[in-house]
Amino acid sequence: MARQPNSRTGPSQRQLRVGELVRHALADILQRGDINDAVITGHVITVPEVRMSPDLKLATVYVVPLGGKDDKPVVAALERHKRYIKGELARRIREFRSIPDLRFRADDRFDEALRIDQLLDDPRVRRDLAPRDNTEAQENPEEKD
């Protein structure tokens, strides 16, 4: 009987390991400049994460160009060269039975973190997060549960 994936748990150890193998190989391919494309060679591209599907047949590759600009042209260029990149992965990672299909996405975690930092720097939020005086707690000891 096949094990049913539990939606509450994260990726399996195998998914994480394979994702890291793919991430390192992709970073090496991009660093060496093996892809002849003006958009790709004109940017320093970071691969912060590769998420593997449970069956290891699909890899979602999150990329960030240095500076966070021009992410759409970079993702489009990587999509155009997906077949070549998959072939390079096959040469570099010999442990795989089959190389996963690649899906490139812009990583927006850094933008989201910046947005949250800006929200936390808001004076109204700082006022709400500031520590309260103990005098209020001492005046109303019955409210303290």
N, C-alpha and C. Protein backbone atom coordinates (compact mmCIF):
# COMPACT_ATOMS: atom_id res chain seq x y z
N MET A 1 0.84 -1.17 0.00
CA MET A 1 0.00 0.00 0.00
C MET A 1 0.89 1.24 0.00
N ALA A 2 0.63 2.16 -0.92
CA ALA A 2 1.43 3.36 -1.06
C ALA A 2 1.12 4.33 0.07
N ARG A 3 2.15 5.00 0.51
CA ARG A 3 1.98 5.98 1.57
C ARG A 3 1.35 7.25 0.99
N GLN A 4 0.32 7.74 1.62
CA GLN A 4 -0.33 8.96 1.18
C GLN A 4 0.43 10.16 1.71
N PRO A 5 0.73 11.12 0.84
CA PRO A 5 1.44 12.30 1.34
C PRO A 5 0.54 13.11 2.26
N ASN A 6 1.11 13.55 3.35
CA ASN A 6 0.39 14.35 4.32
C ASN A 6 0.62 15.82 3.99
N SER A 7 -0.45 16.56 3.78
CA SER A 7 -0.32 17.96 3.38
C SER A 7 0.26 18.83 4.49
N ARG A 8 0.25 18.35 5.73
CA ARG A 8 0.76 19.15 6.84
C ARG A 8 2.27 19.02 7.01
N THR A 9 2.85 18.01 6.46
CA THR A 9 4.29 17.86 6.59
C THR A 9 4.98 18.53 5.42
N GLY A 10 6.23 18.86 5.61
CA GLY A 10 7.00 19.50 4.55
C GLY A 10 7.53 18.47 3.58
N PRO A 11 8.47 18.90 2.76
CA PRO A 11 9.06 17.98 1.79
C PRO A 11 9.86 16.88 2.49
N SER A 12 9.95 15.74 1.82
CA SER A 12 10.69 14.62 2.39
C SER A 12 12.19 14.89 2.33
N GLN A 13 12.93 14.10 3.05
CA GLN A 13 14.39 14.23 3.06
C GLN A 13 14.95 14.02 1.65
N ARG A 14 14.35 13.11 0.93
CA ARG A 14 14.81 12.83 -0.43
C ARG A 14 14.55 14.02 -1.35
N GLN A 15 13.38 14.65 -1.23
CA GLN A 15 13.08 15.83 -2.03
C GLN A 15 14.08 16.95 -1.74
N LEU A 16 14.39 17.15 -0.47
CA LEU A 16 15.34 18.19 -0.10
C LEU A 16 16.73 17.90 -0.66
N ARG A 17 17.16 16.64 -0.56
CA ARG A 17 18.49 16.26 -1.04
C ARG A 17 18.61 16.44 -2.55
N VAL A 18 17.59 15.97 -3.28
CA VAL A 18 17.61 16.09 -4.74
C VAL A 18 17.52 17.56 -5.15
N GLY A 19 16.70 18.34 -4.44
CA GLY A 19 16.59 19.77 -4.73
C GLY A 19 17.92 20.48 -4.55
N GLU A 20 18.67 20.11 -3.52
CA GLU A 20 19.99 20.71 -3.31
C GLU A 20 20.98 20.30 -4.39
N LEU A 21 20.92 19.05 -4.83
CA LEU A 21 21.79 18.61 -5.93
C LEU A 21 21.52 19.42 -7.19
N VAL A 22 20.24 19.59 -7.51
CA VAL A 22 19.86 20.34 -8.70
C VAL A 22 20.26 21.81 -8.54
N ARG A 23 20.06 22.37 -7.35
CA ARG A 23 20.40 23.77 -7.11
C ARG A 23 21.90 24.02 -7.30
N HIS A 24 22.72 23.15 -6.74
CA HIS A 24 24.18 23.31 -6.88
C HIS A 24 24.61 23.16 -8.33
N ALA A 25 24.05 22.20 -9.04
CA ALA A 25 24.41 22.02 -10.44
C ALA A 25 23.97 23.22 -11.28
N LEU A 26 22.78 23.74 -11.03
CA LEU A 26 22.31 24.91 -11.77
C LEU A 26 23.17 26.13 -11.47
N ALA A 27 23.51 26.31 -10.22
CA ALA A 27 24.37 27.44 -9.85
C ALA A 27 25.72 27.35 -10.56
N ASP A 28 26.25 26.15 -10.67
CA ASP A 28 27.51 25.94 -11.37
C ASP A 28 27.37 26.25 -12.86
N ILE A 29 26.28 25.81 -13.47
CA ILE A 29 26.04 26.08 -14.89
C ILE A 29 25.94 27.59 -15.14
N LEU A 30 25.20 28.28 -14.27
CA LEU A 30 25.02 29.72 -14.44
C LEU A 30 26.31 30.48 -14.14
N GLN A 31 27.08 30.01 -13.18
CA GLN A 31 28.32 30.69 -12.82
C GLN A 31 29.36 30.57 -13.93
N ARG A 32 29.45 29.43 -14.55
CA ARG A 32 30.45 29.22 -15.59
C ARG A 32 30.11 29.91 -16.91
N GLY A 33 28.86 30.35 -17.04
CA GLY A 33 28.47 31.02 -18.28
C GLY A 33 28.31 30.07 -19.44
N ASP A 34 27.84 28.85 -19.17
CA ASP A 34 27.68 27.84 -20.22
C ASP A 34 26.54 28.16 -21.18
N ILE A 35 25.64 29.05 -20.80
CA ILE A 35 24.48 29.37 -21.63
C ILE A 35 24.78 30.64 -22.42
N ASN A 36 24.70 30.53 -23.75
CA ASN A 36 24.99 31.67 -24.61
C ASN A 36 23.72 32.47 -24.85
N ASP A 37 23.44 33.37 -23.94
CA ASP A 37 22.28 34.25 -24.03
C ASP A 37 22.69 35.58 -23.43
N ALA A 38 22.39 36.68 -24.13
CA ALA A 38 22.81 38.00 -23.65
C ALA A 38 22.16 38.36 -22.32
N VAL A 39 20.90 37.96 -22.13
CA VAL A 39 20.21 38.30 -20.88
C VAL A 39 20.84 37.55 -19.71
N ILE A 40 21.12 36.27 -19.91
CA ILE A 40 21.67 35.45 -18.82
C ILE A 40 23.11 35.84 -18.52
N THR A 41 23.92 36.05 -19.56
CA THR A 41 25.32 36.41 -19.32
C THR A 41 25.45 37.83 -18.79
N GLY A 42 24.44 38.67 -19.01
CA GLY A 42 24.47 40.05 -18.53
C GLY A 42 24.04 40.20 -17.09
N HIS A 43 23.63 39.12 -16.45
CA HIS A 43 23.17 39.18 -15.06
C HIS A 43 23.89 38.13 -14.22
N VAL A 44 24.10 38.47 -12.97
CA VAL A 44 24.54 37.47 -12.00
C VAL A 44 23.26 36.91 -11.39
N ILE A 45 23.05 35.61 -11.57
CA ILE A 45 21.79 34.98 -11.16
C ILE A 45 22.04 34.08 -9.97
N THR A 46 21.22 34.24 -8.94
CA THR A 46 21.29 33.41 -7.75
C THR A 46 20.14 32.42 -7.77
N VAL A 47 20.42 31.19 -7.35
CA VAL A 47 19.39 30.16 -7.24
C VAL A 47 19.23 29.85 -5.75
N PRO A 48 18.32 30.56 -5.05
CA PRO A 48 18.20 30.34 -3.62
C PRO A 48 17.50 29.04 -3.24
N GLU A 49 16.65 28.51 -4.12
CA GLU A 49 15.90 27.31 -3.75
C GLU A 49 15.43 26.56 -4.99
N VAL A 50 15.41 25.24 -4.86
CA VAL A 50 14.79 24.36 -5.85
C VAL A 50 13.84 23.45 -5.09
N ARG A 51 12.57 23.50 -5.45
CA ARG A 51 11.58 22.63 -4.80
C ARG A 51 11.23 21.49 -5.75
N MET A 52 11.33 20.30 -5.22
CA MET A 52 11.04 19.10 -6.01
C MET A 52 9.63 18.62 -5.72
N SER A 53 8.97 18.09 -6.75
CA SER A 53 7.66 17.48 -6.54
C SER A 53 7.87 16.16 -5.81
N PRO A 54 6.81 15.62 -5.18
CA PRO A 54 6.98 14.36 -4.42
C PRO A 54 7.50 13.19 -5.27
N ASP A 55 7.16 13.17 -6.57
CA ASP A 55 7.63 12.08 -7.43
C ASP A 55 8.99 12.41 -8.08
N LEU A 56 9.57 13.56 -7.76
CA LEU A 56 10.88 14.01 -8.25
C LEU A 56 10.92 14.20 -9.76
N LYS A 57 9.79 14.40 -10.39
CA LYS A 57 9.75 14.59 -11.84
C LYS A 57 9.65 16.05 -12.25
N LEU A 58 9.41 16.93 -11.29
CA LEU A 58 9.29 18.36 -11.58
C LEU A 58 10.10 19.15 -10.56
N ALA A 59 10.94 20.04 -11.06
CA ALA A 59 11.74 20.91 -10.19
C ALA A 59 11.33 22.35 -10.45
N THR A 60 10.87 23.02 -9.40
CA THR A 60 10.56 24.44 -9.50
C THR A 60 11.78 25.19 -9.00
N VAL A 61 12.40 25.92 -9.91
CA VAL A 61 13.65 26.61 -9.63
C VAL A 61 13.36 28.09 -9.40
N TYR A 62 13.69 28.57 -8.20
CA TYR A 62 13.49 29.97 -7.88
C TYR A 62 14.80 30.70 -8.11
N VAL A 63 14.75 31.77 -8.91
CA VAL A 63 15.95 32.52 -9.27
C VAL A 63 15.78 33.99 -8.93
N VAL A 64 16.91 34.63 -8.64
CA VAL A 64 16.94 36.06 -8.35
C VAL A 64 18.15 36.66 -9.06
N PRO A 65 17.94 37.60 -9.99
CA PRO A 65 19.08 38.31 -10.54
C PRO A 65 19.64 39.27 -9.51
N LEU A 66 20.93 39.48 -9.52
CA LEU A 66 21.57 40.36 -8.56
C LEU A 66 20.94 41.75 -8.64
N GLY A 67 20.55 42.26 -7.51
CA GLY A 67 19.88 43.55 -7.45
C GLY A 67 18.37 43.42 -7.52
N GLY A 68 17.87 42.26 -7.87
CA GLY A 68 16.44 42.03 -7.91
C GLY A 68 15.72 42.65 -9.09
N LYS A 69 16.46 43.22 -10.03
CA LYS A 69 15.84 43.84 -11.19
C LYS A 69 15.88 42.89 -12.38
N ASP A 70 15.02 43.14 -13.33
CA ASP A 70 14.95 42.37 -14.58
C ASP A 70 14.66 40.90 -14.35
N ASP A 71 13.84 40.58 -13.37
CA ASP A 71 13.59 39.16 -13.10
C ASP A 71 12.74 38.51 -14.19
N LYS A 72 11.83 39.24 -14.80
CA LYS A 72 10.99 38.64 -15.85
C LYS A 72 11.80 38.28 -17.10
N PRO A 73 12.67 39.16 -17.61
CA PRO A 73 13.48 38.75 -18.76
C PRO A 73 14.43 37.59 -18.45
N VAL A 74 14.95 37.56 -17.22
CA VAL A 74 15.86 36.47 -16.83
C VAL A 74 15.10 35.14 -16.78
N VAL A 75 13.92 35.15 -16.18
CA VAL A 75 13.12 33.92 -16.11
C VAL A 75 12.73 33.47 -17.52
N ALA A 76 12.36 34.42 -18.39
CA ALA A 76 12.00 34.08 -19.77
C ALA A 76 13.20 33.48 -20.52
N ALA A 77 14.38 34.03 -20.30
CA ALA A 77 15.59 33.50 -20.95
C ALA A 77 15.91 32.10 -20.45
N LEU A 78 15.76 31.87 -19.17
CA LEU A 78 16.00 30.53 -18.62
C LEU A 78 14.98 29.53 -19.17
N GLU A 79 13.74 29.96 -19.31
CA GLU A 79 12.71 29.09 -19.90
C GLU A 79 13.06 28.75 -21.34
N ARG A 80 13.60 29.71 -22.09
CA ARG A 80 13.99 29.45 -23.48
C ARG A 80 15.09 28.39 -23.58
N HIS A 81 15.98 28.38 -22.59
CA HIS A 81 17.12 27.46 -22.61
C HIS A 81 16.93 26.26 -21.69
N LYS A 82 15.69 25.98 -21.37
CA LYS A 82 15.36 24.89 -20.44
C LYS A 82 15.87 23.54 -20.94
N ARG A 83 15.76 23.28 -22.21
CA ARG A 83 16.19 22.00 -22.77
C ARG A 83 17.71 21.81 -22.64
N TYR A 84 18.46 22.87 -22.94
CA TYR A 84 19.92 22.80 -22.81
C TYR A 84 20.31 22.61 -21.35
N ILE A 85 19.66 23.34 -20.45
CA ILE A 85 19.97 23.24 -19.02
C ILE A 85 19.68 21.83 -18.51
N LYS A 86 18.59 21.25 -18.97
CA LYS A 86 18.25 19.89 -18.55
C LYS A 86 19.32 18.90 -19.03
N GLY A 87 19.82 19.09 -20.23
CA GLY A 87 20.89 18.24 -20.74
C GLY A 87 22.18 18.39 -19.94
N GLU A 88 22.49 19.62 -19.55
CA GLU A 88 23.67 19.85 -18.72
C GLU A 88 23.51 19.20 -17.35
N LEU A 89 22.30 19.26 -16.80
CA LEU A 89 22.05 18.60 -15.52
C LEU A 89 22.26 17.09 -15.64
N ALA A 90 21.83 16.52 -16.75
CA ALA A 90 21.99 15.08 -16.97
C ALA A 90 23.47 14.70 -16.99
N ARG A 91 24.32 15.56 -17.57
CA ARG A 91 25.75 15.28 -17.61
C ARG A 91 26.41 15.44 -16.24
N ARG A 92 25.92 16.36 -15.45
CA ARG A 92 26.56 16.66 -14.16
C ARG A 92 26.05 15.79 -13.02
N ILE A 93 24.80 15.38 -13.07
CA ILE A 93 24.23 14.58 -11.98
C ILE A 93 23.90 13.20 -12.55
N ARG A 94 24.75 12.26 -12.30
CA ARG A 94 24.61 10.91 -12.87
C ARG A 94 23.72 9.99 -12.03
N GLU A 95 23.39 10.40 -10.79
CA GLU A 95 22.62 9.52 -9.90
C GLU A 95 21.15 9.40 -10.29
N PHE A 96 20.67 10.31 -11.12
CA PHE A 96 19.24 10.32 -11.44
C PHE A 96 18.88 9.31 -12.51
N ARG A 97 17.74 8.66 -12.32
CA ARG A 97 17.20 7.82 -13.39
C ARG A 97 16.73 8.70 -14.54
N SER A 98 16.01 9.75 -14.16
CA SER A 98 15.56 10.72 -15.17
C SER A 98 15.71 12.12 -14.56
N ILE A 99 16.04 13.04 -15.41
CA ILE A 99 16.22 14.42 -14.98
C ILE A 99 14.84 15.07 -14.88
N PRO A 100 14.57 15.78 -13.80
CA PRO A 100 13.24 16.40 -13.66
C PRO A 100 13.02 17.51 -14.67
N ASP A 101 11.76 17.72 -15.02
CA ASP A 101 11.41 18.88 -15.83
C ASP A 101 11.63 20.12 -14.99
N LEU A 102 12.06 21.18 -15.64
CA LEU A 102 12.40 22.41 -14.93
C LEU A 102 11.32 23.46 -15.15
N ARG A 103 11.03 24.17 -14.08
CA ARG A 103 10.08 25.28 -14.13
C ARG A 103 10.74 26.43 -13.38
N PHE A 104 10.98 27.53 -14.07
CA PHE A 104 11.68 28.66 -13.48
C PHE A 104 10.69 29.70 -12.98
N ARG A 105 10.94 30.21 -11.79
CA ARG A 105 10.10 31.23 -11.17
C ARG A 105 11.00 32.28 -10.52
N ALA A 106 10.52 33.52 -10.54
CA ALA A 106 11.23 34.59 -9.83
C ALA A 106 10.95 34.42 -8.34
N ASP A 107 11.99 34.54 -7.54
CA ASP A 107 11.85 34.39 -6.09
C ASP A 107 11.50 35.75 -5.51
N ASP A 108 10.33 35.85 -4.90
CA ASP A 108 9.89 37.13 -4.34
C ASP A 108 9.98 37.17 -2.82
N ARG A 109 10.68 36.23 -2.23
CA ARG A 109 10.81 36.22 -0.76
C ARG A 109 11.53 37.46 -0.25
N PHE A 110 12.52 37.94 -1.00
CA PHE A 110 13.26 39.11 -0.56
C PHE A 110 12.38 40.36 -0.61
N ASP A 111 11.53 40.46 -1.63
CA ASP A 111 10.60 41.59 -1.71
C ASP A 111 9.60 41.53 -0.57
N GLU A 112 9.12 40.34 -0.26
CA GLU A 112 8.17 40.18 0.84
C GLU A 112 8.81 40.53 2.18
N ALA A 113 10.05 40.14 2.38
CA ALA A 113 10.76 40.47 3.62
C ALA A 113 10.95 41.98 3.73
N LEU A 114 11.25 42.65 2.62
CA LEU A 114 11.39 44.10 2.62
C LEU A 114 10.07 44.76 2.98
N ARG A 115 8.97 44.24 2.45
CA ARG A 115 7.64 44.80 2.74
C ARG A 115 7.32 44.66 4.23
N ILE A 116 7.63 43.51 4.80
CA ILE A 116 7.37 43.29 6.23
C ILE A 116 8.25 44.22 7.08
N ASP A 117 9.52 44.40 6.69
CA ASP A 117 10.39 45.32 7.42
C ASP A 117 9.84 46.74 7.38
N GLN A 118 9.33 47.15 6.22
CA GLN A 118 8.76 48.48 6.12
C GLN A 118 7.52 48.62 7.00
N LEU A 119 6.72 47.57 7.07
CA LEU A 119 5.54 47.62 7.94
C LEU A 119 5.95 47.72 9.40
N LEU A 120 6.98 46.98 9.79
CA LEU A 120 7.43 47.02 11.18
C LEU A 120 8.08 48.35 11.54
N ASP A 121 8.60 49.07 10.56
CA ASP A 121 9.21 50.38 10.81
C ASP A 121 8.17 51.50 10.89
N ASP A 122 6.94 51.22 10.60
CA ASP A 122 5.87 52.20 10.68
C ASP A 122 5.73 52.67 12.13
N PRO A 123 5.62 53.99 12.37
CA PRO A 123 5.52 54.48 13.76
C PRO A 123 4.32 53.93 14.51
N ARG A 124 3.21 53.70 13.82
CA ARG A 124 2.02 53.16 14.49
C ARG A 124 2.27 51.74 14.98
N VAL A 125 2.98 50.95 14.18
CA VAL A 125 3.30 49.58 14.57
C VAL A 125 4.31 49.58 15.70
N ARG A 126 5.30 50.46 15.64
CA ARG A 126 6.29 50.56 16.71
C ARG A 126 5.64 50.91 18.04
N ARG A 127 4.64 51.79 17.97
CA ARG A 127 3.92 52.17 19.19
C ARG A 127 3.22 50.95 19.79
N ASP A 128 2.62 50.12 18.95
CA ASP A 128 1.92 48.94 19.44
C ASP A 128 2.88 47.87 19.95
N LEU A 129 4.08 47.83 19.40
CA LEU A 129 5.05 46.81 19.80
C LEU A 129 5.93 47.24 20.97
N ALA A 130 5.86 48.52 21.35
CA ALA A 130 6.70 49.03 22.44
C ALA A 130 6.30 48.36 23.75
N PRO A 131 7.28 48.08 24.63
CA PRO A 131 6.95 47.47 25.92
C PRO A 131 6.13 48.42 26.76
N ARG A 132 5.17 47.85 27.45
CA ARG A 132 4.29 48.67 28.30
C ARG A 132 4.93 48.85 29.67
N ASP A 133 4.48 49.90 30.34
CA ASP A 133 4.95 50.15 31.71
C ASP A 133 4.37 49.09 32.64
N ASN A 134 5.11 48.73 33.67
CA ASN A 134 4.62 47.79 34.67
C ASN A 134 3.62 48.45 35.62
N THR A 135 3.52 49.76 35.56
CA THR A 135 2.59 50.45 36.46
C THR A 135 1.15 50.07 36.16
N GLU A 136 0.82 49.87 34.89
CA GLU A 136 -0.54 49.45 34.53
C GLU A 136 -0.84 48.06 35.10
N ALA A 137 0.11 47.17 35.02
CA ALA A 137 -0.09 45.80 35.51
C ALA A 137 -0.20 45.78 37.03
N GLN A 138 0.52 46.68 37.73
CA GLN A 138 0.46 46.71 39.18
C GLN A 138 -0.85 47.33 39.67
N GLU A 139 -1.42 48.26 38.91
CA GLU A 139 -2.66 48.89 39.31
C GLU A 139 -3.85 47.94 39.20
N ASN A 140 -3.83 47.02 38.23
CA ASN A 140 -4.94 46.09 38.00
C ASN A 140 -4.45 44.65 38.09
N PRO A 141 -4.12 44.15 39.29
CA PRO A 141 -3.59 42.79 39.38
C PRO A 141 -4.63 41.72 39.07
N GLU A 142 -5.93 42.02 39.21
CA GLU A 142 -6.95 40.98 38.93
C GLU A 142 -7.11 40.74 37.44
N GLU A 143 -6.69 41.68 36.58
CA GLU A 143 -6.81 41.47 35.14
C GLU A 143 -5.72 40.57 34.61
N LYS A 144 -4.70 40.35 35.37
CA LYS A 144 -3.57 39.53 34.94
C LYS A 144 -3.93 38.06 35.09
N ASP A 145 -4.16 37.37 34.00
CA ASP A 145 -4.53 35.95 34.04
C ASP A 145 -3.41 35.09 33.55
